[in-house]
């Protein structure tokens, strides 16, 4: 049986960091914002894929209001969670205030703009989501993920062919109209 000392220290620390994050009900994104990094860094640390330097270990520990050696020690008991550290309380209050102060935006229907784009010549050439988003930006500002979802749903998924990045030698997928399924104009 494998004991905890046999486990990779990066994996041990990642598990420990995740326990603290979950204890205080923080998303990876919120923790990343508080620490001054991005959520992919937090995800990689939690998965044990990155070596955390002493400076970052100190940042994490300071945020959770523990000593760096306590945070890194898998045998050190987690705080009860009843007393929330000041840094976390401040973060949660800022988030709540931002949500309350943010004006409600009307929901934008993306599909008419996307359908209009499908009827144009733009997607006769393979395009990335970034290119599609840029093309739509003068009419509507939406995250690329919403465009991807709509392109993947019926009836648009019958009109579009997705070219995986591996197929064309890139990192991201490209989208192109199926020539046999061009939508009628007008």
Protein backbone atom coordinates (compact mmCIF):
# COMPACT_ATOMS: atom_id res chain seq x y z
CA UNK A 1 0.00 0.00 0.00
CA UNK A 2 1.27 3.41 -0.99
CA UNK A 3 1.65 5.82 1.91
CA UNK A 4 1.44 9.59 1.77
CA UNK A 5 5.24 9.97 1.83
CA UNK A 6 5.48 8.10 -1.48
CA UNK A 7 3.19 10.59 -3.21
CA UNK A 8 4.72 13.35 -5.31
CA UNK A 9 5.05 16.52 -3.16
CA UNK A 10 3.47 18.64 -5.90
CA UNK A 11 0.40 16.38 -5.86
CA UNK A 12 0.29 16.49 -2.05
CA UNK A 13 0.43 20.28 -2.04
CA UNK A 14 -2.19 20.49 -4.80
CA UNK A 15 -4.58 18.36 -2.76
CA UNK A 16 -3.92 20.46 0.31
CA UNK A 17 -4.52 23.73 -1.55
CA UNK A 18 -7.76 22.35 -2.96
CA UNK A 19 -8.94 21.38 0.55
CA UNK A 20 -8.41 24.97 1.73
CA UNK A 21 -10.11 26.42 -1.34
CA UNK A 22 -13.13 24.15 -0.94
CA UNK A 23 -13.30 24.78 2.81
CA UNK A 24 -13.95 28.45 2.12
CA UNK A 25 -16.20 27.74 -0.91
CA UNK A 26 -13.94 29.53 -3.39
CA UNK A 27 -13.76 28.81 -7.09
CA UNK A 28 -10.37 28.47 -8.74
CA UNK A 29 -11.11 31.76 -10.49
CA UNK A 30 -11.78 33.63 -7.22
CA UNK A 31 -8.62 32.23 -5.63
CA UNK A 32 -6.62 33.15 -8.72
CA UNK A 33 -7.93 36.73 -8.67
CA UNK A 34 -7.08 37.06 -4.99
CA UNK A 35 -3.56 35.72 -5.47
CA UNK A 36 -2.97 37.73 -8.65
CA UNK A 37 -2.77 34.92 -11.17
CA UNK A 38 -5.12 33.09 -13.53
CA UNK A 39 -7.34 30.11 -12.81
CA UNK A 40 -5.37 27.79 -15.13
CA UNK A 41 -2.40 28.24 -12.78
CA UNK A 42 -4.55 27.24 -9.79
CA UNK A 43 -5.88 24.21 -11.70
CA UNK A 44 -2.36 23.07 -12.60
CA UNK A 45 -1.14 23.52 -9.03
CA UNK A 46 -4.10 21.54 -7.66
CA UNK A 47 -3.43 18.76 -10.18
CA UNK A 48 0.23 18.64 -9.12
CA UNK A 49 1.45 19.68 -12.55
CA UNK A 50 3.37 22.75 -11.39
CA UNK A 51 6.12 23.24 -8.87
CA UNK A 52 5.08 26.03 -6.51
CA UNK A 53 7.91 28.27 -5.43
CA UNK A 54 8.30 29.51 -1.87
CA UNK A 55 7.01 32.98 -2.82
CA UNK A 56 3.75 31.59 -4.18
CA UNK A 57 3.46 29.19 -1.26
CA UNK A 58 3.72 32.24 1.01
CA UNK A 59 1.01 34.07 -1.02
CA UNK A 60 -1.38 31.13 -0.67
CA UNK A 61 -0.66 30.76 3.04
CA UNK A 62 -1.05 34.49 3.70
CA UNK A 63 -4.41 34.49 1.86
CA UNK A 64 -5.68 31.55 3.96
CA UNK A 65 -4.19 33.12 7.12
CA UNK A 66 -1.91 30.20 7.98
CA UNK A 67 1.86 29.73 8.03
CA UNK A 68 3.38 28.45 4.79
CA UNK A 69 4.59 25.28 6.50
CA UNK A 70 1.09 24.63 7.87
CA UNK A 71 -0.48 24.97 4.44
CA UNK A 72 2.04 22.57 2.89
CA UNK A 73 1.73 19.97 5.66
CA UNK A 74 -0.93 17.35 4.79
CA UNK A 75 -1.01 16.27 8.47
CA UNK A 76 -1.71 19.76 9.79
CA UNK A 77 -5.43 20.02 10.62
CA UNK A 78 -7.51 22.30 8.43
CA UNK A 79 -9.06 25.32 10.11
CA UNK A 80 -12.67 24.81 11.24
CA UNK A 81 -13.96 27.22 8.62
CA UNK A 82 -16.11 28.96 11.24
CA UNK A 83 -13.76 31.93 11.40
CA UNK A 84 -13.19 33.27 7.91
CA UNK A 85 -9.79 34.92 7.35
CA UNK A 86 -9.96 38.67 6.67
CA UNK A 87 -8.59 38.35 3.14
CA UNK A 88 -11.31 35.85 2.20
CA UNK A 89 -14.04 37.88 3.91
CA UNK A 90 -12.90 41.01 2.01
CA UNK A 91 -12.89 39.10 -1.26
CA UNK A 92 -16.42 37.79 -0.68
CA UNK A 93 -17.69 41.26 0.28
CA UNK A 94 -16.14 42.84 -2.84
CA UNK A 95 -17.76 40.14 -4.98
CA UNK A 96 -21.16 40.67 -3.36
CA UNK A 97 -20.87 44.47 -3.74
CA UNK A 98 -19.84 44.14 -7.40
CA UNK A 99 -22.83 41.90 -8.15
CA UNK A 100 -25.20 44.32 -6.39
CA UNK A 101 -23.77 47.42 -8.11
CA UNK A 102 -23.49 45.90 -11.57
CA UNK A 103 -26.34 47.04 -13.78
CA UNK A 104 -28.49 44.26 -15.19
CA UNK A 105 -27.71 43.79 -18.85
CA UNK A 106 -30.53 42.81 -21.16
CA UNK A 107 -30.14 39.32 -22.58
CA UNK A 108 -28.81 39.50 -26.10
CA UNK A 109 -30.11 37.02 -28.63
CA UNK A 110 -27.02 35.82 -30.43
CA UNK A 111 -28.70 33.40 -32.83
CA UNK A 112 -30.02 36.00 -35.35
CA UNK A 113 -26.54 37.48 -35.70
CA UNK A 114 -24.97 34.05 -36.05
CA UNK A 115 -27.58 32.97 -38.61
CA UNK A 116 -26.88 36.12 -40.61
CA UNK A 117 -23.17 35.28 -40.55
CA UNK A 118 -23.90 31.73 -41.74
CA UNK A 119 -25.76 33.14 -44.75
CA UNK A 120 -22.76 35.31 -45.71
CA UNK A 121 -19.57 34.14 -47.41
CA UNK A 122 -17.54 34.54 -44.20
CA UNK A 123 -17.58 30.89 -43.15
CA UNK A 124 -16.84 29.48 -46.60
CA UNK A 125 -13.24 29.69 -45.42
CA UNK A 126 -12.34 27.86 -42.15
CA UNK A 127 -12.39 30.28 -39.20
CA UNK A 128 -11.51 30.05 -35.51
CA UNK A 129 -13.91 31.11 -32.76
CA UNK A 130 -11.73 34.19 -32.24
CA UNK A 131 -12.21 35.19 -35.88
CA UNK A 132 -15.97 34.58 -35.69
CA UNK A 133 -16.19 36.60 -32.45
CA UNK A 134 -14.23 39.43 -34.05
CA UNK A 135 -16.51 39.44 -37.09
CA UNK A 136 -19.59 39.66 -34.86
CA UNK A 137 -18.06 42.26 -32.52
CA UNK A 138 -19.50 45.27 -34.36
CA UNK A 139 -23.03 43.88 -33.77
CA UNK A 140 -22.83 41.90 -30.54
CA UNK A 141 -20.21 41.21 -27.85
CA UNK A 142 -20.43 37.67 -26.49
CA UNK A 143 -17.97 35.10 -25.17
CA UNK A 144 -16.57 32.61 -27.64
CA UNK A 145 -18.07 29.80 -25.60
CA UNK A 146 -21.63 30.97 -26.42
CA UNK A 147 -20.81 30.99 -30.12
CA UNK A 148 -19.35 27.48 -29.87
CA UNK A 149 -22.47 26.21 -28.10
CA UNK A 150 -24.80 27.66 -30.73
CA UNK A 151 -22.69 26.32 -33.59
CA UNK A 152 -22.90 22.88 -32.01
CA UNK A 153 -26.71 22.86 -31.76
CA UNK A 154 -29.33 21.98 -34.34
CA UNK A 155 -29.85 23.35 -36.99
CA UNK A 156 -26.44 25.07 -37.19
CA UNK A 157 -24.50 21.86 -36.50
CA UNK A 158 -25.87 20.53 -39.81
CA UNK A 159 -24.51 23.56 -41.65
CA UNK A 160 -21.06 23.68 -40.02
CA UNK A 161 -18.11 21.32 -40.15
CA UNK A 162 -15.71 21.48 -37.20
CA UNK A 163 -12.06 21.02 -38.15
CA UNK A 164 -10.07 19.87 -35.09
CA UNK A 165 -6.80 21.66 -34.44
CA UNK A 166 -4.84 18.43 -34.92
CA UNK A 167 -6.23 18.14 -38.44
CA UNK A 168 -5.05 21.53 -39.62
CA UNK A 169 -1.94 21.79 -37.44
CA UNK A 170 -3.18 24.35 -34.93
CA UNK A 171 -4.25 24.41 -31.32
CA UNK A 172 -7.91 25.37 -31.73
CA UNK A 173 -10.81 24.13 -33.81
CA UNK A 174 -11.91 25.86 -36.97
CA UNK A 175 -15.43 26.12 -38.30
CA UNK A 176 -16.42 26.07 -41.96
CA UNK A 177 -19.69 25.87 -43.87
CA UNK A 178 -20.48 22.49 -45.36
CA UNK A 179 -20.63 23.32 -49.05
CA UNK A 180 -23.45 20.86 -49.62
CA UNK A 181 -25.55 22.53 -46.87
CA UNK A 182 -25.26 26.25 -47.64
CA UNK A 183 -28.31 28.02 -46.16
CA UNK A 184 -30.67 29.81 -48.56
CA UNK A 185 -30.21 33.57 -48.83
CA UNK A 186 -32.96 36.08 -48.45
